[in-house]
Amino acid sequence: DGCQSGSVLLEISRILNTGLDMETLSICVRLCEQGINPEALSAVIKELRKATETLKANENMAS
């Protein structure tokens, strides 16, 4: 069942403390199923998080 496997993936994601919500996790799974390298996808997510943190820090400094 697709819903049950999604729930299992979300629980694994939470145990591993990935910070991914169900929608993001589903997108990642679909990308991997379409042949995207999981390690490359992980690296992109990490870089996006760093960029987001930097932007938030800069916004806080400006206010």
C-alpha atoms as a PDB file:
ATOM      1  CA  ASP A   1       0.000   0.000   0.000  1.00  0.00           C
ATOM      2  CA  GLY A   2       1.418   3.387  -1.055  1.00  0.00           C
ATOM      3  CA  CYS A   3       0.074   5.248   1.963  1.00  0.00           C
ATOM      4  CA  GLN A   4       1.527   2.732   4.409  1.00  0.00           C
ATOM      5  CA  SER A   5       4.954   2.768   2.740  1.00  0.00           C
ATOM      6  CA  GLY A   6       4.863   6.574   2.828  1.00  0.00           C
ATOM      7  CA  SER A   7       4.142   6.447   6.545  1.00  0.00           C
ATOM      8  CA  VAL A   8       7.025   4.034   7.080  1.00  0.00           C
ATOM      9  CA  LEU A   9       9.365   6.294   5.097  1.00  0.00           C
ATOM     10  CA  LEU A  10       8.242   9.311   7.110  1.00  0.00           C
ATOM     11  CA  GLU A  11       8.877   7.451  10.374  1.00  0.00           C
ATOM     12  CA  ILE A  12      12.363   6.425   9.201  1.00  0.00           C
ATOM     13  CA  SER A  13      12.974  10.029   8.162  1.00  0.00           C
ATOM     14  CA  ARG A  14      11.968  11.220  11.640  1.00  0.00           C
ATOM     15  CA  ILE A  15      14.148   8.606  13.372  1.00  0.00           C
ATOM     16  CA  LEU A  16      17.107   9.747  11.268  1.00  0.00           C
ATOM     17  CA  ASN A  17      16.244  13.369  12.069  1.00  0.00           C
ATOM     18  CA  THR A  18      16.252  14.438   8.404  1.00  0.00           C
ATOM     19  CA  GLY A  19      13.857  17.318   8.922  1.00  0.00           C
ATOM     20  CA  LEU A  20      11.956  16.350   5.767  1.00  0.00           C
ATOM     21  CA  ASP A  21       8.175  16.618   5.750  1.00  0.00           C
ATOM     22  CA  MET A  22       5.969  14.117   3.913  1.00  0.00           C
ATOM     23  CA  GLU A  23       5.692  16.229   0.757  1.00  0.00           C
ATOM     24  CA  THR A  24       9.452  16.783   0.494  1.00  0.00           C
ATOM     25  CA  LEU A  25      10.159  13.144   1.268  1.00  0.00           C
ATOM     26  CA  SER A  26       7.719  12.061  -1.452  1.00  0.00           C
ATOM     27  CA  ILE A  27       9.408  14.352  -3.973  1.00  0.00           C
ATOM     28  CA  CYS A  28      12.816  12.931  -3.047  1.00  0.00           C
ATOM     29  CA  VAL A  29      11.563   9.359  -3.441  1.00  0.00           C
ATOM     30  CA  ARG A  30      10.067  10.154  -6.860  1.00  0.00           C
ATOM     31  CA  LEU A  31      13.305  11.800  -7.990  1.00  0.00           C
ATOM     32  CA  CYS A  32      15.300   8.751  -6.899  1.00  0.00           C
ATOM     33  CA  GLU A  33      12.840   6.455  -8.679  1.00  0.00           C
ATOM     34  CA  GLN A  34      13.452   8.499 -11.847  1.00  0.00           C
ATOM     35  CA  GLY A  35      17.188   7.920 -11.602  1.00  0.00           C
ATOM     36  CA  ILE A  36      18.470  10.902  -9.623  1.00  0.00           C
ATOM     37  CA  ASN A  37      21.544   9.978  -7.583  1.00  0.00           C
ATOM     38  CA  PRO A  38      20.448   9.922  -3.899  1.00  0.00           C
ATOM     39  CA  GLU A  39      23.829  11.212  -2.692  1.00  0.00           C
ATOM     40  CA  ALA A  40      23.677  14.138  -5.118  1.00  0.00           C
ATOM     41  CA  LEU A  41      20.113  14.880  -4.012  1.00  0.00           C
ATOM     42  CA  SER A  42      21.226  14.830  -0.385  1.00  0.00           C
ATOM     43  CA  ALA A  43      24.067  17.240  -1.169  1.00  0.00           C
ATOM     44  CA  VAL A  44      21.657  19.641  -2.892  1.00  0.00           C
ATOM     45  CA  ILE A  45      19.269  19.562   0.074  1.00  0.00           C
ATOM     46  CA  LYS A  46      22.145  20.280   2.478  1.00  0.00           C
ATOM     47  CA  GLU A  47      23.346  23.202   0.338  1.00  0.00           C
ATOM     48  CA  LEU A  48      19.823  24.636   0.129  1.00  0.00           C
ATOM     49  CA  ARG A  49      19.510  24.440   3.909  1.00  0.00           C
ATOM     50  CA  LYS A  50      22.846  26.228   4.366  1.00  0.00           C
ATOM     51  CA  ALA A  51      21.790  28.942   1.921  1.00  0.00           C
ATOM     52  CA  THR A  52      18.466  29.345   3.718  1.00  0.00           C
ATOM     53  CA  GLU A  53      20.212  29.653   7.090  1.00  0.00           C
ATOM     54  CA  THR A  54      22.587  32.264   5.668  1.00  0.00           C
ATOM     55  CA  LEU A  55      19.710  34.291   4.225  1.00  0.00           C
ATOM     56  CA  LYS A  56      17.817  34.154   7.515  1.00  0.00           C
ATOM     57  CA  ALA A  57      20.921  35.227   9.433  1.00  0.00           C
ATOM     58  CA  ASN A  58      21.453  38.143   7.047  1.00  0.00           C
ATOM     59  CA  GLU A  59      17.812  39.201   7.402  1.00  0.00           C
ATOM     60  CA  ASN A  60      18.105  39.110  11.200  1.00  0.00           C
ATOM     61  CA  MET A  61      21.256  41.237  11.090  1.00  0.00           C
ATOM     62  CA  ALA A  62      19.543  43.798   8.836  1.00  0.00           C
ATOM     63  CA  SER A  63      16.552  44.209  11.170  1.00  0.00           C
END
